[in-house]
ModelCIF file with pLDDT and N, C-alpha, C, O atoms, coordinates in Angstrom:
data_MODEL
#
_entry.id   MODEL 
#
_entity.id                         1 
_entity.type                       polymer 
_entity.pdbx_number_of_molecules   1 
#
_entity_poly.entity_id                      1 
_entity_poly.type                           'polypeptide(L)' 
_entity_poly.nstd_linkage                   no 
_entity_poly.nstd_monomer                   no 
_entity_poly.pdbx_seq_one_letter_code       
;(UNK)(UNK)(UNK)(UNK)(UNK)(UNK)(UNK)(UNK)(UNK)(UNK)(UNK)(UNK)(UNK)(UNK)(UNK)(UNK)
(UNK)(UNK)(UNK)(UNK)(UNK)(UNK)(UNK)(UNK)(UNK)(UNK)(UNK)(UNK)(UNK)(UNK)(UNK)(UNK)
(UNK)(UNK)(UNK)(UNK)(UNK)(UNK)
;
_entity_poly.pdbx_seq_one_letter_code_can   XXXXXXXXXXXXXXXXXXXXXXXXXXXXXXXXXXXXXX 
_entity_poly.pdbx_strand_id                 A 
#
loop_
_entity_poly_seq.entity_id 
_entity_poly_seq.num 
_entity_poly_seq.mon_id 
_entity_poly_seq.hetero 
1 1  UNK n 
1 2  UNK n 
1 3  UNK n 
1 4  UNK n 
1 5  UNK n 
1 6  UNK n 
1 7  UNK n 
1 8  UNK n 
1 9  UNK n 
1 10 UNK n 
1 11 UNK n 
1 12 UNK n 
1 13 UNK n 
1 14 UNK n 
1 15 UNK n 
1 16 UNK n 
1 17 UNK n 
1 18 UNK n 
1 19 UNK n 
1 20 UNK n 
1 21 UNK n 
1 22 UNK n 
1 23 UNK n 
1 24 UNK n 
1 25 UNK n 
1 26 UNK n 
1 27 UNK n 
1 28 UNK n 
1 29 UNK n 
1 30 UNK n 
1 31 UNK n 
1 32 UNK n 
1 33 UNK n 
1 34 UNK n 
1 35 UNK n 
1 36 UNK n 
1 37 UNK n 
1 38 UNK n 
#
_struct_asym.id          A 
_struct_asym.entity_id   1 
#
loop_
_ma_qa_metric.id 
_ma_qa_metric.mode 
_ma_qa_metric.name 
_ma_qa_metric.software_group_id 
_ma_qa_metric.type 
1 global pLDDT . pLDDT 
2 local  pLDDT . pLDDT 
#
_ma_qa_metric_global.metric_id      1 
_ma_qa_metric_global.metric_value   97.84 
_ma_qa_metric_global.model_id       1 
_ma_qa_metric_global.ordinal_id     1 
#
loop_
_ma_qa_metric_local.label_asym_id 
_ma_qa_metric_local.label_comp_id 
_ma_qa_metric_local.label_seq_id 
_ma_qa_metric_local.metric_id 
_ma_qa_metric_local.metric_value 
_ma_qa_metric_local.model_id 
_ma_qa_metric_local.ordinal_id 
A UNK 1  2 98.00 1 1  
A UNK 2  2 98.00 1 2  
A UNK 3  2 98.00 1 3  
A UNK 4  2 97.00 1 4  
A UNK 5  2 97.00 1 5  
A UNK 6  2 96.00 1 6  
A UNK 7  2 98.00 1 7  
A UNK 8  2 98.00 1 8  
A UNK 9  2 98.00 1 9  
A UNK 10 2 98.00 1 10 
A UNK 11 2 98.00 1 11 
A UNK 12 2 98.00 1 12 
A UNK 13 2 98.00 1 13 
A UNK 14 2 98.00 1 14 
A UNK 15 2 98.00 1 15 
A UNK 16 2 98.00 1 16 
A UNK 17 2 98.00 1 17 
A UNK 18 2 98.00 1 18 
A UNK 19 2 98.00 1 19 
A UNK 20 2 98.00 1 20 
A UNK 21 2 98.00 1 21 
A UNK 22 2 98.00 1 22 
A UNK 23 2 98.00 1 23 
A UNK 24 2 98.00 1 24 
A UNK 25 2 98.00 1 25 
A UNK 26 2 98.00 1 26 
A UNK 27 2 98.00 1 27 
A UNK 28 2 97.00 1 28 
A UNK 29 2 97.00 1 29 
A UNK 30 2 97.00 1 30 
A UNK 31 2 97.00 1 31 
A UNK 32 2 98.00 1 32 
A UNK 33 2 98.00 1 33 
A UNK 34 2 98.00 1 34 
A UNK 35 2 98.00 1 35 
A UNK 36 2 98.00 1 36 
A UNK 37 2 99.00 1 37 
A UNK 38 2 99.00 1 38 
#
loop_
_atom_site.group_PDB 
_atom_site.id 
_atom_site.type_symbol 
_atom_site.label_atom_id 
_atom_site.label_alt_id 
_atom_site.label_comp_id 
_atom_site.label_asym_id 
_atom_site.label_entity_id 
_atom_site.label_seq_id 
_atom_site.pdbx_PDB_ins_code 
_atom_site.Cartn_x 
_atom_site.Cartn_y 
_atom_site.Cartn_z 
_atom_site.occupancy 
_atom_site.B_iso_or_equiv 
_atom_site.pdbx_formal_charge 
_atom_site.auth_seq_id 
_atom_site.auth_comp_id 
_atom_site.auth_asym_id 
_atom_site.auth_atom_id 
_atom_site.pdbx_PDB_model_num 
ATOM 1   N N  . UNK A 1 1  ? 2.898  10.488  9.122  1.00 98.00 ? 1  UNK A N  1 
ATOM 2   C CA . UNK A 1 1  ? 3.433  11.044  7.882  1.00 98.00 ? 1  UNK A CA 1 
ATOM 3   C C  . UNK A 1 1  ? 3.676  12.545  7.969  1.00 98.00 ? 1  UNK A C  1 
ATOM 4   O O  . UNK A 1 1  ? 4.320  13.103  7.081  1.00 98.00 ? 1  UNK A O  1 
ATOM 5   N N  . UNK A 1 2  ? 3.182  13.221  9.008  1.00 98.00 ? 2  UNK A N  1 
ATOM 6   C CA . UNK A 1 2  ? 3.417  14.666  9.102  1.00 98.00 ? 2  UNK A CA 1 
ATOM 7   C C  . UNK A 1 2  ? 4.848  14.937  9.568  1.00 98.00 ? 2  UNK A C  1 
ATOM 8   O O  . UNK A 1 2  ? 5.471  14.090  10.208 1.00 98.00 ? 2  UNK A O  1 
ATOM 9   N N  . UNK A 1 3  ? 5.361  16.124  9.240  1.00 98.00 ? 3  UNK A N  1 
ATOM 10  C CA . UNK A 1 3  ? 6.741  16.472  9.565  1.00 98.00 ? 3  UNK A CA 1 
ATOM 11  C C  . UNK A 1 3  ? 6.807  17.819  10.282 1.00 98.00 ? 3  UNK A C  1 
ATOM 12  O O  . UNK A 1 3  ? 5.822  18.552  10.376 1.00 98.00 ? 3  UNK A O  1 
ATOM 13  N N  . UNK A 1 4  ? 7.992  18.111  10.778 1.00 97.00 ? 4  UNK A N  1 
ATOM 14  C CA . UNK A 1 4  ? 8.307  19.445  11.278 1.00 97.00 ? 4  UNK A CA 1 
ATOM 15  C C  . UNK A 1 4  ? 8.402  20.425  10.098 1.00 97.00 ? 4  UNK A C  1 
ATOM 16  O O  . UNK A 1 4  ? 8.481  19.989  8.949  1.00 97.00 ? 4  UNK A O  1 
ATOM 17  N N  . UNK A 1 5  ? 8.394  21.742  10.364 1.00 97.00 ? 5  UNK A N  1 
ATOM 18  C CA . UNK A 1 5  ? 8.583  22.702  9.264  1.00 97.00 ? 5  UNK A CA 1 
ATOM 19  C C  . UNK A 1 5  ? 9.924  22.522  8.555  1.00 97.00 ? 5  UNK A C  1 
ATOM 20  O O  . UNK A 1 5  ? 10.026 22.721  7.344  1.00 97.00 ? 5  UNK A O  1 
ATOM 21  N N  . UNK A 1 6  ? 10.940 22.149  9.313  1.00 96.00 ? 6  UNK A N  1 
ATOM 22  C CA . UNK A 1 6  ? 12.250 21.827  8.736  1.00 96.00 ? 6  UNK A CA 1 
ATOM 23  C C  . UNK A 1 6  ? 12.575 20.392  9.141  1.00 96.00 ? 6  UNK A C  1 
ATOM 24  O O  . UNK A 1 6  ? 13.554 20.134  9.841  1.00 96.00 ? 6  UNK A O  1 
ATOM 25  N N  . UNK A 1 7  ? 11.736 19.468  8.686  1.00 98.00 ? 7  UNK A N  1 
ATOM 26  C CA . UNK A 1 7  ? 11.843 18.076  9.089  1.00 98.00 ? 7  UNK A CA 1 
ATOM 27  C C  . UNK A 1 7  ? 12.654 17.245  8.120  1.00 98.00 ? 7  UNK A C  1 
ATOM 28  O O  . UNK A 1 7  ? 12.992 17.681  7.020  1.00 98.00 ? 7  UNK A O  1 
ATOM 29  N N  . UNK A 1 8  ? 12.961 16.027  8.563  1.00 98.00 ? 8  UNK A N  1 
ATOM 30  C CA . UNK A 1 8  ? 13.677 15.088  7.721  1.00 98.00 ? 8  UNK A CA 1 
ATOM 31  C C  . UNK A 1 8  ? 12.730 14.184  6.949  1.00 98.00 ? 8  UNK A C  1 
ATOM 32  O O  . UNK A 1 8  ? 11.509 14.315  7.034  1.00 98.00 ? 8  UNK A O  1 
ATOM 33  N N  . UNK A 1 9  ? 13.317 13.269  6.199  1.00 98.00 ? 9  UNK A N  1 
ATOM 34  C CA . UNK A 1 9  ? 12.545 12.382  5.330  1.00 98.00 ? 9  UNK A CA 1 
ATOM 35  C C  . UNK A 1 9  ? 12.105 11.095  6.024  1.00 98.00 ? 9  UNK A C  1 
ATOM 36  O O  . UNK A 1 9  ? 11.370 10.301  5.438  1.00 98.00 ? 9  UNK A O  1 
ATOM 37  N N  . UNK A 1 10 ? 12.548 10.875  7.277  1.00 98.00 ? 10 UNK A N  1 
ATOM 38  C CA . UNK A 1 10 ? 12.381 9.553   7.884  1.00 98.00 ? 10 UNK A CA 1 
ATOM 39  C C  . UNK A 1 10 ? 11.583 9.563   9.185  1.00 98.00 ? 10 UNK A C  1 
ATOM 40  O O  . UNK A 1 10 ? 10.940 8.565   9.510  1.00 98.00 ? 10 UNK A O  1 
ATOM 41  N N  . UNK A 1 11 ? 11.606 10.647  9.926  1.00 98.00 ? 11 UNK A N  1 
ATOM 42  C CA . UNK A 1 11 ? 10.912 10.760  11.203 1.00 98.00 ? 11 UNK A CA 1 
ATOM 43  C C  . UNK A 1 11 ? 9.430  10.452  11.000 1.00 98.00 ? 11 UNK A C  1 
ATOM 44  O O  . UNK A 1 11 ? 8.718  11.225  10.359 1.00 98.00 ? 11 UNK A O  1 
ATOM 45  N N  . UNK A 1 12 ? 8.966  9.329   11.542 1.00 98.00 ? 12 UNK A N  1 
ATOM 46  C CA . UNK A 1 12 ? 7.570  8.931   11.395 1.00 98.00 ? 12 UNK A CA 1 
ATOM 47  C C  . UNK A 1 12 ? 7.302  8.190   10.103 1.00 98.00 ? 12 UNK A C  1 
ATOM 48  O O  . UNK A 1 12 ? 6.672  7.132   10.099 1.00 98.00 ? 12 UNK A O  1 
ATOM 49  N N  . UNK A 1 13 ? 7.785  8.753   9.000  1.00 98.00 ? 13 UNK A N  1 
ATOM 50  C CA . UNK A 1 13 ? 7.500  8.192   7.676  1.00 98.00 ? 13 UNK A CA 1 
ATOM 51  C C  . UNK A 1 13 ? 8.078  6.785   7.548  1.00 98.00 ? 13 UNK A C  1 
ATOM 52  O O  . UNK A 1 13 ? 7.462  5.908   6.942  1.00 98.00 ? 13 UNK A O  1 
ATOM 53  N N  . UNK A 1 14 ? 9.263  6.573   8.122  1.00 98.00 ? 14 UNK A N  1 
ATOM 54  C CA . UNK A 1 14 ? 9.876  5.245   8.070  1.00 98.00 ? 14 UNK A CA 1 
ATOM 55  C C  . UNK A 1 14 ? 8.940  4.198   8.658  1.00 98.00 ? 14 UNK A C  1 
ATOM 56  O O  . UNK A 1 14 ? 8.809  3.105   8.107  1.00 98.00 ? 14 UNK A O  1 
ATOM 57  N N  . UNK A 1 15 ? 8.285  4.521   9.775  1.00 98.00 ? 15 UNK A N  1 
ATOM 58  C CA . UNK A 1 15 ? 7.405  3.552   10.419 1.00 98.00 ? 15 UNK A CA 1 
ATOM 59  C C  . UNK A 1 15 ? 6.162  3.246   9.616  1.00 98.00 ? 15 UNK A C  1 
ATOM 60  O O  . UNK A 1 15 ? 5.740  2.092   9.539  1.00 98.00 ? 15 UNK A O  1 
ATOM 61  N N  . UNK A 1 16 ? 5.562  4.278   9.010  1.00 98.00 ? 16 UNK A N  1 
ATOM 62  C CA . UNK A 1 16 ? 4.351  4.064   8.209  1.00 98.00 ? 16 UNK A CA 1 
ATOM 63  C C  . UNK A 1 16 ? 4.672  3.254   6.955  1.00 98.00 ? 16 UNK A C  1 
ATOM 64  O O  . UNK A 1 16 ? 3.994  2.273   6.649  1.00 98.00 ? 16 UNK A O  1 
ATOM 65  N N  . UNK A 1 17 ? 5.709  3.671   6.238  1.00 98.00 ? 17 UNK A N  1 
ATOM 66  C CA . UNK A 1 17 ? 6.020  3.002   4.973  1.00 98.00 ? 17 UNK A CA 1 
ATOM 67  C C  . UNK A 1 17 ? 6.649  1.627   5.198  1.00 98.00 ? 17 UNK A C  1 
ATOM 68  O O  . UNK A 1 17 ? 6.534  0.758   4.334  1.00 98.00 ? 17 UNK A O  1 
ATOM 69  N N  . UNK A 1 18 ? 7.308  1.411   6.330  1.00 98.00 ? 18 UNK A N  1 
ATOM 70  C CA . UNK A 1 18 ? 7.772  0.063   6.654  1.00 98.00 ? 18 UNK A CA 1 
ATOM 71  C C  . UNK A 1 18 ? 6.584  -0.855  6.941  1.00 98.00 ? 18 UNK A C  1 
ATOM 72  O O  . UNK A 1 18 ? 6.630  -2.045  6.630  1.00 98.00 ? 18 UNK A O  1 
ATOM 73  N N  . UNK A 1 19 ? 5.529  -0.309  7.530  1.00 98.00 ? 19 UNK A N  1 
ATOM 74  C CA . UNK A 1 19 ? 4.310  -1.089  7.714  1.00 98.00 ? 19 UNK A CA 1 
ATOM 75  C C  . UNK A 1 19 ? 3.736  -1.531  6.378  1.00 98.00 ? 19 UNK A C  1 
ATOM 76  O O  . UNK A 1 19 ? 3.348  -2.686  6.206  1.00 98.00 ? 19 UNK A O  1 
ATOM 77  N N  . UNK A 1 20 ? 3.686  -0.596  5.434  1.00 98.00 ? 20 UNK A N  1 
ATOM 78  C CA . UNK A 1 20 ? 3.250  -0.944  4.083  1.00 98.00 ? 20 UNK A CA 1 
ATOM 79  C C  . UNK A 1 20 ? 4.164  -2.000  3.475  1.00 98.00 ? 20 UNK A C  1 
ATOM 80  O O  . UNK A 1 20 ? 3.689  -2.949  2.851  1.00 98.00 ? 20 UNK A O  1 
ATOM 81  N N  . UNK A 1 21 ? 5.477  -1.838  3.653  1.00 98.00 ? 21 UNK A N  1 
ATOM 82  C CA . UNK A 1 21 ? 6.426  -2.806  3.093  1.00 98.00 ? 21 UNK A CA 1 
ATOM 83  C C  . UNK A 1 21 ? 6.259  -4.188  3.722  1.00 98.00 ? 21 UNK A C  1 
ATOM 84  O O  . UNK A 1 21 ? 6.441  -5.196  3.040  1.00 98.00 ? 21 UNK A O  1 
ATOM 85  N N  . UNK A 1 22 ? 5.919  -4.251  5.000  1.00 98.00 ? 22 UNK A N  1 
ATOM 86  C CA . UNK A 1 22 ? 5.626  -5.543  5.634  1.00 98.00 ? 22 UNK A CA 1 
ATOM 87  C C  . UNK A 1 22 ? 4.489  -6.241  4.896  1.00 98.00 ? 22 UNK A C  1 
ATOM 88  O O  . UNK A 1 22 ? 4.578  -7.435  4.609  1.00 98.00 ? 22 UNK A O  1 
ATOM 89  N N  . UNK A 1 23 ? 3.426  -5.511  4.590  1.00 98.00 ? 23 UNK A N  1 
ATOM 90  C CA . UNK A 1 23 ? 2.293  -6.114  3.875  1.00 98.00 ? 23 UNK A CA 1 
ATOM 91  C C  . UNK A 1 23 ? 2.703  -6.518  2.464  1.00 98.00 ? 23 UNK A C  1 
ATOM 92  O O  . UNK A 1 23 ? 2.350  -7.604  2.005  1.00 98.00 ? 23 UNK A O  1 
ATOM 93  N N  . UNK A 1 24 ? 3.442  -5.659  1.775  1.00 98.00 ? 24 UNK A N  1 
ATOM 94  C CA . UNK A 1 24 ? 3.909  -6.016  0.432  1.00 98.00 ? 24 UNK A CA 1 
ATOM 95  C C  . UNK A 1 24 ? 4.735  -7.305  0.471  1.00 98.00 ? 24 UNK A C  1 
ATOM 96  O O  . UNK A 1 24 ? 4.571  -8.183  -0.376 1.00 98.00 ? 24 UNK A O  1 
ATOM 97  N N  . UNK A 1 25 ? 5.628  -7.406  1.469  1.00 98.00 ? 25 UNK A N  1 
ATOM 98  C CA . UNK A 1 25 ? 6.483  -8.590  1.570  1.00 98.00 ? 25 UNK A CA 1 
ATOM 99  C C  . UNK A 1 25 ? 5.660  -9.840  1.882  1.00 98.00 ? 25 UNK A C  1 
ATOM 100 O O  . UNK A 1 25 ? 5.904  -10.907 1.317  1.00 98.00 ? 25 UNK A O  1 
ATOM 101 N N  . UNK A 1 26 ? 4.689  -9.706  2.777  1.00 98.00 ? 26 UNK A N  1 
ATOM 102 C CA . UNK A 1 26 ? 3.826  -10.843 3.117  1.00 98.00 ? 26 UNK A CA 1 
ATOM 103 C C  . UNK A 1 26 ? 3.095  -11.340 1.872  1.00 98.00 ? 26 UNK A C  1 
ATOM 104 O O  . UNK A 1 26 ? 2.991  -12.545 1.640  1.00 98.00 ? 26 UNK A O  1 
ATOM 105 N N  . UNK A 1 27 ? 2.592  -10.401 1.077  1.00 98.00 ? 27 UNK A N  1 
ATOM 106 C CA . UNK A 1 27 ? 1.887  -10.778 -0.156 1.00 98.00 ? 27 UNK A CA 1 
ATOM 107 C C  . UNK A 1 27 ? 2.844  -11.429 -1.146 1.00 98.00 ? 27 UNK A C  1 
ATOM 108 O O  . UNK A 1 27 ? 2.512  -12.439 -1.766 1.00 98.00 ? 27 UNK A O  1 
ATOM 109 N N  . UNK A 1 28 ? 4.029  -10.850 -1.292 1.00 97.00 ? 28 UNK A N  1 
ATOM 110 C CA . UNK A 1 28 ? 5.013  -11.409 -2.233 1.00 97.00 ? 28 UNK A CA 1 
ATOM 111 C C  . UNK A 1 28 ? 5.338  -12.865 -1.896 1.00 97.00 ? 28 UNK A C  1 
ATOM 112 O O  . UNK A 1 28 ? 5.478  -13.709 -2.781 1.00 97.00 ? 28 UNK A O  1 
ATOM 113 N N  . UNK A 1 29 ? 5.454  -13.136 -0.589 1.00 97.00 ? 29 UNK A N  1 
ATOM 114 C CA . UNK A 1 29 ? 5.861  -14.480 -0.149 1.00 97.00 ? 29 UNK A CA 1 
ATOM 115 C C  . UNK A 1 29 ? 4.687  -15.440 -0.002 1.00 97.00 ? 29 UNK A C  1 
ATOM 116 O O  . UNK A 1 29 ? 4.876  -16.617 0.306  1.00 97.00 ? 29 UNK A O  1 
ATOM 117 N N  . UNK A 1 30 ? 3.485  -14.938 -0.220 1.00 97.00 ? 30 UNK A N  1 
ATOM 118 C CA . UNK A 1 30 ? 2.308  -15.791 -0.115 1.00 97.00 ? 30 UNK A CA 1 
ATOM 119 C C  . UNK A 1 30 ? 2.000  -16.246 1.295  1.00 97.00 ? 30 UNK A C  1 
ATOM 120 O O  . UNK A 1 30 ? 1.372  -17.287 1.490  1.00 97.00 ? 30 UNK A O  1 
ATOM 121 N N  . UNK A 1 31 ? 2.440  -15.470 2.291  1.00 97.00 ? 31 UNK A N  1 
ATOM 122 C CA . UNK A 1 31 ? 2.200  -15.828 3.688  1.00 97.00 ? 31 UNK A CA 1 
ATOM 123 C C  . UNK A 1 31 ? 0.784  -15.442 4.108  1.00 97.00 ? 31 UNK A C  1 
ATOM 124 O O  . UNK A 1 31 ? 0.233  -14.453 3.625  1.00 97.00 ? 31 UNK A O  1 
ATOM 125 N N  . UNK A 1 32 ? 0.210  -16.218 4.997  1.00 98.00 ? 32 UNK A N  1 
ATOM 126 C CA . UNK A 1 32 ? -1.109 -15.932 5.550  1.00 98.00 ? 32 UNK A CA 1 
ATOM 127 C C  . UNK A 1 32 ? -0.997 -15.833 7.068  1.00 98.00 ? 32 UNK A C  1 
ATOM 128 O O  . UNK A 1 32 ? -0.268 -16.602 7.695  1.00 98.00 ? 32 UNK A O  1 
ATOM 129 N N  . UNK A 1 33 ? -1.721 -14.886 7.650  1.00 98.00 ? 33 UNK A N  1 
ATOM 130 C CA . UNK A 1 33 ? -1.748 -14.768 9.108  1.00 98.00 ? 33 UNK A CA 1 
ATOM 131 C C  . UNK A 1 33 ? -3.177 -14.944 9.600  1.00 98.00 ? 33 UNK A C  1 
ATOM 132 O O  . UNK A 1 33 ? -4.140 -14.621 8.904  1.00 98.00 ? 33 UNK A O  1 
ATOM 133 N N  . UNK A 1 34 ? -3.289 -15.462 10.809 1.00 98.00 ? 34 UNK A N  1 
ATOM 134 C CA . UNK A 1 34 ? -4.633 -15.624 11.385 1.00 98.00 ? 34 UNK A CA 1 
ATOM 135 C C  . UNK A 1 34 ? -5.258 -14.268 11.655 1.00 98.00 ? 34 UNK A C  1 
ATOM 136 O O  . UNK A 1 34 ? -6.437 -14.048 11.379 1.00 98.00 ? 34 UNK A O  1 
ATOM 137 N N  . UNK A 1 35 ? -4.463 -13.368 12.194 1.00 98.00 ? 35 UNK A N  1 
ATOM 138 C CA . UNK A 1 35 ? -4.990 -12.052 12.559 1.00 98.00 ? 35 UNK A CA 1 
ATOM 139 C C  . UNK A 1 35 ? -4.840 -11.064 11.393 1.00 98.00 ? 35 UNK A C  1 
ATOM 140 O O  . UNK A 1 35 ? -3.860 -11.127 10.650 1.00 98.00 ? 35 UNK A O  1 
ATOM 141 N N  . UNK A 1 36 ? -5.799 -10.162 11.233 1.00 98.00 ? 36 UNK A N  1 
ATOM 142 C CA . UNK A 1 36 ? -5.585 -9.059  10.292 1.00 98.00 ? 36 UNK A CA 1 
ATOM 143 C C  . UNK A 1 36 ? -4.416 -8.183  10.754 1.00 98.00 ? 36 UNK A C  1 
ATOM 144 O O  . UNK A 1 36 ? -4.046 -8.194  11.929 1.00 98.00 ? 36 UNK A O  1 
ATOM 145 N N  . UNK A 1 37 ? -3.848 -7.434  9.826  1.00 99.00 ? 37 UNK A N  1 
ATOM 146 C CA . UNK A 1 37 ? -2.787 -6.471  10.131 1.00 99.00 ? 37 UNK A CA 1 
ATOM 147 C C  . UNK A 1 37 ? -3.238 -5.113  9.616  1.00 99.00 ? 37 UNK A C  1 
ATOM 148 O O  . UNK A 1 37 ? -3.657 -4.995  8.464  1.00 99.00 ? 37 UNK A O  1 
ATOM 149 N N  . UNK A 1 38 ? -3.157 -4.090  10.457 1.00 99.00 ? 38 UNK A N  1 
ATOM 150 C CA . UNK A 1 38 ? -3.637 -2.750  10.111 1.00 99.00 ? 38 UNK A CA 1 
ATOM 151 C C  . UNK A 1 38 ? -2.472 -1.772  10.199 1.00 99.00 ? 38 UNK A C  1 
ATOM 152 O O  . UNK A 1 38 ? -2.647 -0.580  9.948  1.00 99.00 ? 38 UNK A O  1 
#
């Protein structure tokens, strides 16, 4: 989530928040996985 002094909105942040969105989507769809996701 950290940025350059003159950084953009997506470098790094896209990966972290897409990870969160993966979990949100899994919950929305009621999917279960054997392994935890971190």
